[in-house]
Amino acid sequence: MQENQQTADSGESLQVFTDGACQGRSGRGGWAAVFLEDGKRRIISGSDRRTTGNRMELTAVIRALETAPEGLPLTIHSENKQLVDAVLRGRDAKANRDLWEELAGLRSVRDVRWWWVRSRREHPASEIAGRVANMEAGLFETQDSHHRYRRGSRTTSAQRGSVRGGKPSANGPSPNSNSPSSRTRQSPRTTRRKKP
């Protein structure tokens, strides 16, 4: 079947954005594929308890090809340049031989085009695939939550105290509650509350 790298905005095929993630070099991993067709979005995803990032990238593509309707051309968008290059240039990958053989079998019966995504920010669906893959891998700290954490960590203890205790007075510390002026201000309010 035909395999080439075409423009990302082609409307002739089903657009599929894939991604994989892993905790460390070898650990819990996750994969995701986002399908875009006729303005509709569909997401499939999964996880593995012990795997690698490369295996998850390959798994995402394999599951996408298995799930897509037969006879419909596909464009696979992947951030993994090694994966795209290996497919387009016919490189013989030694690692993950089982997955490469499974992928080769699917490619032989499908019309697949390949597109290397330079950055997840190129398309919202690519960003979604990355986030879902991270969630499946148990990596729940997204870029947004990381920035929120950093902003919160810059707040000093004095600033946090002022937020809890109210706005500090421009004239210095508030008067002691045992001072005469404080008792005078509180006394009339207490008396009025006790009246029926």
C-alpha atoms as a PDB file:
ATOM      1  CA  MET A   1       0.000   0.000   0.000  1.00  0.00           C
ATOM      2  CA  GLN A   2       0.995   3.616  -0.472  1.00  0.00           C
ATOM      3  CA  GLU A   3       3.079   5.179   2.264  1.00  0.00           C
ATOM      4  CA  ASN A   4       4.440   8.710   2.118  1.00  0.00           C
ATOM      5  CA  GLN A   5       4.727  11.921   4.046  1.00  0.00           C
ATOM      6  CA  GLN A   6       2.096  14.388   2.945  1.00  0.00           C
ATOM      7  CA  THR A   7       0.870  17.761   4.080  1.00  0.00           C
ATOM      8  CA  ALA A   8      -0.787  17.658   7.472  1.00  0.00           C
ATOM      9  CA  ASP A   9      -3.953  19.452   6.332  1.00  0.00           C
ATOM     10  CA  SER A  10      -4.972  16.885   3.695  1.00  0.00           C
ATOM     11  CA  GLY A  11      -8.674  16.145   3.823  1.00  0.00           C
ATOM     12  CA  GLU A  12      -8.448  12.956   1.742  1.00  0.00           C
ATOM     13  CA  SER A  13      -7.767  10.642   4.666  1.00  0.00           C
ATOM     14  CA  LEU A  14      -8.695   9.994   8.270  1.00  0.00           C
ATOM     15  CA  GLN A  15      -6.394  12.081  10.472  1.00  0.00           C
ATOM     16  CA  VAL A  16      -4.995  10.139  13.445  1.00  0.00           C
ATOM     17  CA  PHE A  17      -2.735  11.664  16.130  1.00  0.00           C
ATOM     18  CA  THR A  18      -0.803   9.164  18.245  1.00  0.00           C
ATOM     19  CA  ASP A  19       1.459   9.390  21.266  1.00  0.00           C
ATOM     20  CA  GLY A  20       3.017   7.235  23.952  1.00  0.00           C
ATOM     21  CA  ALA A  21       4.446   7.917  27.406  1.00  0.00           C
ATOM     22  CA  CYS A  22       6.307   6.063  30.134  1.00  0.00           C
ATOM     23  CA  GLN A  23       7.434   6.604  33.722  1.00  0.00           C
ATOM     24  CA  GLY A  24      11.206   6.739  33.390  1.00  0.00           C
ATOM     25  CA  ARG A  25      13.060   4.577  30.886  1.00  0.00           C
ATOM     26  CA  SER A  26      11.105   1.482  31.882  1.00  0.00           C
ATOM     27  CA  GLY A  27       7.946   1.513  33.958  1.00  0.00           C
ATOM     28  CA  ARG A  28       4.206   2.085  33.716  1.00  0.00           C
ATOM     29  CA  GLY A  29       3.333   3.340  30.253  1.00  0.00           C
ATOM     30  CA  GLY A  30       0.380   4.711  28.354  1.00  0.00           C
ATOM     31  CA  TRP A  31      -0.644   5.269  24.754  1.00  0.00           C
ATOM     32  CA  ALA A  32      -3.374   7.241  23.004  1.00  0.00           C
ATOM     33  CA  ALA A  33      -4.738   7.858  19.521  1.00  0.00           C
ATOM     34  CA  VAL A  34      -7.048  10.711  18.540  1.00  0.00           C
ATOM     35  CA  PHE A  35      -9.176  10.275  15.396  1.00  0.00           C
ATOM     36  CA  LEU A  36     -10.490  13.331  13.541  1.00  0.00           C
ATOM     37  CA  GLU A  37     -13.142  12.845  10.869  1.00  0.00           C
ATOM     38  CA  ASP A  38     -15.890  15.194   9.657  1.00  0.00           C
ATOM     39  CA  GLY A  39     -15.358  17.521  12.598  1.00  0.00           C
ATOM     40  CA  LYS A  40     -15.801  14.712  15.115  1.00  0.00           C
ATOM     41  CA  ARG A  41     -13.162  13.512  17.568  1.00  0.00           C
ATOM     42  CA  ARG A  42     -12.708  10.015  18.936  1.00  0.00           C
ATOM     43  CA  ILE A  43     -10.072   8.920  21.442  1.00  0.00           C
ATOM     44  CA  ILE A  44      -8.764   5.451  22.217  1.00  0.00           C
ATOM     45  CA  SER A  45      -6.120   4.770  24.856  1.00  0.00           C
ATOM     46  CA  GLY A  46      -4.584   2.142  27.083  1.00  0.00           C
ATOM     47  CA  SER A  47      -1.737   1.342  29.445  1.00  0.00           C
ATOM     48  CA  ASP A  48       0.889  -1.256  30.304  1.00  0.00           C
ATOM     49  CA  ARG A  49       2.261  -1.942  33.773  1.00  0.00           C
ATOM     50  CA  ARG A  50       5.847  -2.511  32.623  1.00  0.00           C
ATOM     51  CA  THR A  51       7.032  -1.110  29.298  1.00  0.00           C
ATOM     52  CA  THR A  52       9.051   1.620  27.560  1.00  0.00           C
ATOM     53  CA  GLY A  53       8.188   4.854  25.792  1.00  0.00           C
ATOM     54  CA  ASN A  54       9.085   3.427  22.359  1.00  0.00           C
ATOM     55  CA  ARG A  55       6.801   0.444  22.849  1.00  0.00           C
ATOM     56  CA  MET A  56       3.948   2.772  23.786  1.00  0.00           C
ATOM     57  CA  GLU A  57       4.548   4.909  20.668  1.00  0.00           C
ATOM     58  CA  LEU A  58       4.388   1.794  18.487  1.00  0.00           C
ATOM     59  CA  THR A  59       1.359   0.455  20.348  1.00  0.00           C
ATOM     60  CA  ALA A  60      -0.533   3.698  19.765  1.00  0.00           C
ATOM     61  CA  VAL A  61       0.002   3.417  15.997  1.00  0.00           C
ATOM     62  CA  ILE A  62      -0.873  -0.302  15.921  1.00  0.00           C
ATOM     63  CA  ARG A  63      -4.107   0.187  17.883  1.00  0.00           C
ATOM     64  CA  ALA A  64      -5.031   3.116  15.640  1.00  0.00           C
ATOM     65  CA  LEU A  65      -4.595   1.012  12.499  1.00  0.00           C
ATOM     66  CA  GLU A  66      -6.600  -1.830  14.064  1.00  0.00           C
ATOM     67  CA  THR A  67      -9.423   0.524  15.065  1.00  0.00           C
ATOM     68  CA  ALA A  68      -9.745   2.611  11.898  1.00  0.00           C
ATOM     69  CA  PRO A  69     -12.430   1.554   9.390  1.00  0.00           C
ATOM     70  CA  GLU A  70     -11.124  -0.767   6.678  1.00  0.00           C
ATOM     71  CA  GLY A  71     -10.585   0.700   3.238  1.00  0.00           C
ATOM     72  CA  LEU A  72     -10.268   4.257   4.519  1.00  0.00           C
ATOM     73  CA  PRO A  73      -6.902   5.981   3.939  1.00  0.00           C
ATOM     74  CA  LEU A  74      -5.205   7.214   7.118  1.00  0.00           C
ATOM     75  CA  THR A  75      -2.648   9.853   7.948  1.00  0.00           C
ATOM     76  CA  ILE A  76      -0.739   9.011  11.120  1.00  0.00           C
ATOM     77  CA  HIS A  77       0.631  12.054  12.945  1.00  0.00           C
ATOM     78  CA  SER A  78       3.409  11.122  15.383  1.00  0.00           C
ATOM     79  CA  GLU A  79       5.888  13.148  17.415  1.00  0.00           C
ATOM     80  CA  ASN A  80       8.322  10.221  17.330  1.00  0.00           C
ATOM     81  CA  LYS A  81      10.687  11.089  14.465  1.00  0.00           C
ATOM     82  CA  GLN A  82      12.531   7.768  14.737  1.00  0.00           C
ATOM     83  CA  LEU A  83       9.285   5.874  14.229  1.00  0.00           C
ATOM     84  CA  VAL A  84       8.266   7.946  11.190  1.00  0.00           C
ATOM     85  CA  ASP A  85      11.753   7.761   9.661  1.00  0.00           C
ATOM     86  CA  ALA A  86      11.942   3.996  10.202  1.00  0.00           C
ATOM     87  CA  VAL A  87       8.648   3.517   8.374  1.00  0.00           C
ATOM     88  CA  LEU A  88       9.342   5.903   5.492  1.00  0.00           C
ATOM     89  CA  ARG A  89      12.936   4.797   4.911  1.00  0.00           C
ATOM     90  CA  GLY A  90      12.361   1.099   5.515  1.00  0.00           C
ATOM     91  CA  ARG A  91      14.841   0.852   8.365  1.00  0.00           C
ATOM     92  CA  ASP A  92      15.200  -2.520  10.042  1.00  0.00           C
ATOM     93  CA  ALA A  93      14.515  -1.851  13.713  1.00  0.00           C
ATOM     94  CA  LYS A  94      16.086  -4.402  16.062  1.00  0.00           C
ATOM     95  CA  ALA A  95      14.333  -3.339  19.264  1.00  0.00           C
ATOM     96  CA  ASN A  96      10.660  -4.216  19.820  1.00  0.00           C
ATOM     97  CA  ARG A  97      10.735  -6.721  16.969  1.00  0.00           C
ATOM     98  CA  ASP A  98       7.314  -8.133  17.896  1.00  0.00           C
ATOM     99  CA  LEU A  99       5.606  -4.763  17.554  1.00  0.00           C
ATOM    100  CA  TRP A 100       7.391  -3.863  14.325  1.00  0.00           C
ATOM    101  CA  GLU A 101       6.257  -7.143  12.772  1.00  0.00           C
ATOM    102  CA  GLU A 102       2.680  -6.482  13.897  1.00  0.00           C
ATOM    103  CA  LEU A 103       2.862  -2.975  12.443  1.00  0.00           C
ATOM    104  CA  ALA A 104       4.261  -4.293   9.148  1.00  0.00           C
ATOM    105  CA  GLY A 105       1.328  -6.679   8.802  1.00  0.00           C
ATOM    106  CA  LEU A 106      -1.181  -3.855   9.292  1.00  0.00           C
ATOM    107  CA  ARG A 107       0.659  -1.517   6.912  1.00  0.00           C
ATOM    108  CA  SER A 108       0.538  -4.141   4.169  1.00  0.00           C
ATOM    109  CA  VAL A 109      -3.268  -4.000   4.003  1.00  0.00           C
ATOM    110  CA  ARG A 110      -3.847  -0.299   4.713  1.00  0.00           C
ATOM    111  CA  ASP A 111      -3.324   2.935   2.778  1.00  0.00           C
ATOM    112  CA  VAL A 112      -1.243   4.841   5.344  1.00  0.00           C
ATOM    113  CA  ARG A 113       0.434   8.208   5.109  1.00  0.00           C
ATOM    114  CA  TRP A 114       2.839   9.468   7.771  1.00  0.00           C
ATOM    115  CA  TRP A 115       3.417  12.913   9.221  1.00  0.00           C
ATOM    116  CA  TRP A 116       6.082  13.835  11.767  1.00  0.00           C
ATOM    117  CA  VAL A 117       4.742  16.302  14.338  1.00  0.00           C
ATOM    118  CA  ARG A 118       7.549  18.649  15.323  1.00  0.00           C
ATOM    119  CA  SER A 119       5.699  19.808  18.433  1.00  0.00           C
ATOM    120  CA  ARG A 120       2.456  18.858  20.150  1.00  0.00           C
ATOM    121  CA  ARG A 121       1.453  22.496  19.851  1.00  0.00           C
ATOM    122  CA  GLU A 122       1.127  22.119  16.079  1.00  0.00           C
ATOM    123  CA  HIS A 123      -2.396  20.752  16.506  1.00  0.00           C
ATOM    124  CA  PRO A 124      -4.827  20.492  19.465  1.00  0.00           C
ATOM    125  CA  ALA A 125      -5.390  16.785  18.746  1.00  0.00           C
ATOM    126  CA  SER A 126      -1.663  16.133  19.127  1.00  0.00           C
ATOM    127  CA  GLU A 127      -1.716  17.867  22.508  1.00  0.00           C
ATOM    128  CA  ILE A 128      -4.730  15.785  23.551  1.00  0.00           C
ATOM    129  CA  ALA A 129      -3.023  12.540  22.531  1.00  0.00           C
ATOM    130  CA  GLY A 130       0.024  13.470  24.616  1.00  0.00           C
ATOM    131  CA  ARG A 131      -2.019  14.344  27.682  1.00  0.00           C
ATOM    132  CA  VAL A 132      -4.128  11.192  27.511  1.00  0.00           C
ATOM    133  CA  ALA A 133      -1.017   9.028  27.076  1.00  0.00           C
ATOM    134  CA  ASN A 134       0.547  10.721  30.113  1.00  0.00           C
ATOM    135  CA  MET A 135      -2.602  10.110  32.161  1.00  0.00           C
ATOM    136  CA  GLU A 136      -2.632   6.438  31.173  1.00  0.00           C
ATOM    137  CA  ALA A 137       1.004   6.225  32.280  1.00  0.00           C
ATOM    138  CA  GLY A 138       0.141   7.792  35.619  1.00  0.00           C
ATOM    139  CA  LEU A 139       1.926  11.051  34.793  1.00  0.00           C
ATOM    140  CA  PHE A 140      -0.818  13.399  35.909  1.00  0.00           C
ATOM    141  CA  GLU A 141       1.262  16.585  36.230  1.00  0.00           C
ATOM    142  CA  THR A 142       0.518  18.408  32.991  1.00  0.00           C
ATOM    143  CA  GLN A 143       2.279  21.539  31.810  1.00  0.00           C
ATOM    144  CA  ASP A 144      -0.570  23.700  33.128  1.00  0.00           C
ATOM    145  CA  SER A 145      -0.540  22.168  36.618  1.00  0.00           C
ATOM    146  CA  HIS A 146       3.257  22.505  36.696  1.00  0.00           C
ATOM    147  CA  HIS A 147       2.996  26.242  36.049  1.00  0.00           C
ATOM    148  CA  ARG A 148       0.280  26.632  38.686  1.00  0.00           C
ATOM    149  CA  TYR A 149       2.495  24.830  41.186  1.00  0.00           C
ATOM    150  CA  ARG A 150       5.448  27.075  40.378  1.00  0.00           C
ATOM    151  CA  ARG A 151       3.375  30.229  40.786  1.00  0.00           C
ATOM    152  CA  GLY A 152       2.100  29.020  44.146  1.00  0.00           C
ATOM    153  CA  SER A 153       5.573  28.059  45.343  1.00  0.00           C
ATOM    154  CA  ARG A 154       6.821  31.622  44.878  1.00  0.00           C
ATOM    155  CA  THR A 155       4.408  32.866  47.559  1.00  0.00           C
ATOM    156  CA  THR A 156       6.316  33.498  50.799  1.00  0.00           C
ATOM    157  CA  SER A 157       5.071  32.483  54.227  1.00  0.00           C
ATOM    158  CA  ALA A 158       4.458  36.146  55.064  1.00  0.00           C
ATOM    159  CA  GLN A 159       2.319  36.547  51.945  1.00  0.00           C
ATOM    160  CA  ARG A 160       0.354  33.400  52.744  1.00  0.00           C
ATOM    161  CA  GLY A 161      -0.227  34.641  56.261  1.00  0.00           C
ATOM    162  CA  SER A 162      -1.468  37.998  55.042  1.00  0.00           C
ATOM    163  CA  VAL A 163      -3.952  36.273  52.749  1.00  0.00           C
ATOM    164  CA  ARG A 164      -5.348  34.177  55.605  1.00  0.00           C
ATOM    165  CA  GLY A 165      -5.315  36.941  58.152  1.00  0.00           C
ATOM    166  CA  GLY A 166      -6.584  39.752  55.943  1.00  0.00           C
ATOM    167  CA  LYS A 167      -4.911  42.825  54.516  1.00  0.00           C
ATOM    168  CA  PRO A 168      -2.179  44.173  56.795  1.00  0.00           C
ATOM    169  CA  SER A 169      -2.721  47.652  58.200  1.00  0.00           C
ATOM    170  CA  ALA A 170      -0.737  50.502  56.664  1.00  0.00           C
ATOM    171  CA  ASN A 171      -0.272  51.963  60.196  1.00  0.00           C
ATOM    172  CA  GLY A 172       1.455  48.900  61.576  1.00  0.00           C
ATOM    173  CA  PRO A 173       0.210  45.950  63.619  1.00  0.00           C
ATOM    174  CA  SER A 174      -3.378  45.829  64.818  1.00  0.00           C
ATOM    175  CA  PRO A 175      -3.971  46.813  68.465  1.00  0.00           C
ATOM    176  CA  ASN A 176      -3.822  44.163  71.165  1.00  0.00           C
ATOM    177  CA  SER A 177      -7.218  42.665  71.997  1.00  0.00           C
ATOM    178  CA  ASN A 178      -6.568  43.379  75.710  1.00  0.00           C
ATOM    179  CA  SER A 179      -6.061  47.120  75.176  1.00  0.00           C
ATOM    180  CA  PRO A 180      -8.731  49.523  76.555  1.00  0.00           C
ATOM    181  CA  SER A 181      -9.570  50.843  73.107  1.00  0.00           C
ATOM    182  CA  SER A 182     -10.229  47.304  71.902  1.00  0.00           C
ATOM    183  CA  ARG A 183     -12.531  46.518  74.874  1.00  0.00           C
ATOM    184  CA  THR A 184     -14.422  49.768  74.326  1.00  0.00           C
ATOM    185  CA  ARG A 185     -15.098  48.972  70.679  1.00  0.00           C
ATOM    186  CA  GLN A 186     -16.231  45.405  71.369  1.00  0.00           C
ATOM    187  CA  SER A 187     -18.390  46.056  74.405  1.00  0.00           C
ATOM    188  CA  PRO A 188     -21.367  47.831  72.732  1.00  0.00           C
ATOM    189  CA  ARG A 189     -21.612  45.181  69.986  1.00  0.00           C
ATOM    190  CA  THR A 190     -21.642  42.343  72.536  1.00  0.00           C
ATOM    191  CA  THR A 191     -24.392  44.059  74.558  1.00  0.00           C
ATOM    192  CA  ARG A 192     -26.598  44.564  71.487  1.00  0.00           C
ATOM    193  CA  ARG A 193     -26.317  40.919  70.453  1.00  0.00           C
ATOM    194  CA  LYS A 194     -27.576  39.702  73.862  1.00  0.00           C
ATOM    195  CA  LYS A 195     -30.738  41.828  73.763  1.00  0.00           C
ATOM    196  CA  PRO A 196     -33.921  39.951  72.700  1.00  0.00           C
END
